[in-house]
Protein backbone atom coordinates (compact mmCIF):
# COMPACT_ATOMS: atom_id res chain seq x y z
CA MET A 1 91.88 106.51 92.08
CA ILE A 2 88.28 105.50 91.62
CA ILE A 3 85.57 107.78 93.01
CA PRO A 4 84.34 106.49 96.39
CA ILE A 5 80.70 105.50 96.86
CA ARG A 6 80.45 107.65 99.98
CA CYS A 7 82.24 110.77 101.16
CA PHE A 8 85.24 109.92 103.34
CA SER A 9 84.31 112.46 106.04
CA CYS A 10 80.52 112.62 106.34
CA GLY A 11 79.38 109.39 104.67
CA LYS A 12 76.98 111.01 102.19
CA PRO A 13 76.48 108.89 99.02
CA ILE A 14 78.24 110.70 96.15
CA GLY A 15 79.43 107.96 93.78
CA HIS A 16 76.33 108.10 91.59
CA LEU A 17 76.91 111.81 90.84
CA TYR A 18 80.47 111.54 89.50
CA GLU A 19 79.66 110.44 85.95
CA GLU A 20 77.32 113.38 85.32
CA TYR A 21 79.81 115.75 86.98
CA ARG A 22 82.66 114.52 84.74
CA GLU A 23 80.57 114.77 81.54
CA ARG A 24 79.44 118.31 82.27
CA VAL A 25 82.89 119.55 83.28
CA ASP A 26 84.42 117.97 80.16
CA LYS A 27 81.88 119.87 78.05
CA GLY A 28 83.20 123.12 79.53
CA GLU A 29 80.85 123.96 82.39
CA ASP A 30 82.25 125.51 85.55
CA ALA A 31 82.86 122.91 88.27
CA LYS A 32 81.29 125.11 90.95
CA LYS A 33 78.05 125.48 89.02
CA VAL A 34 77.90 121.75 88.28
CA LEU A 35 78.39 120.84 91.95
CA ASP A 36 75.74 123.39 92.96
CA SER A 37 73.23 121.96 90.49
CA LEU A 38 73.97 118.40 91.69
CA GLU A 39 73.32 119.67 95.25
CA VAL A 40 76.76 118.75 96.56
CA GLU A 41 76.90 121.34 99.33
CA ARG A 42 79.34 120.12 101.96
CA TYR A 43 82.96 121.12 101.48
CA CYS A 44 84.17 117.62 102.29
CA CYS A 45 82.06 116.13 99.48
CA ARG A 46 83.10 118.86 97.05
CA ALA A 47 86.75 118.17 97.87
CA VAL A 48 86.32 114.53 96.83
CA PHE A 49 85.09 115.64 93.39
CA LEU A 50 87.64 118.42 92.92
CA GLY A 51 90.56 116.32 94.16
CA GLN A 52 89.77 113.35 91.93
CA VAL A 53 92.55 112.34 89.52
CA ASP A 54 91.82 109.55 87.06
CA LEU A 55 94.82 107.21 87.24
CA ILE A 56 93.11 103.93 86.36
CA ASP A 57 94.19 104.11 82.70
CA ILE A 58 97.81 104.82 83.64
CA ALA A 59 97.92 102.08 86.28
CA GLY A 60 96.27 99.59 83.91
CA ALA A 61 99.12 99.94 81.41
CA PHE A 62 101.59 98.15 83.72
CA LYS A 63 101.89 94.39 83.79
CA LYS A 64 101.77 92.40 86.95
CA GLY A 65 105.07 90.88 87.40
């Protein structure tokens, strides 16, 4: 799944925040603190970030056939 440009529920633009979120969480920061500092306050928007699973690399390994 690729991060959506806008939240599915409320429509707030969130796509531009995902790269910074991913970098900071990969460095070891707590996801809650990162989302708070990025000012992602609504639970629906936070759920998009926390529920994100990067499958693009796995799906790209299969050939069209």
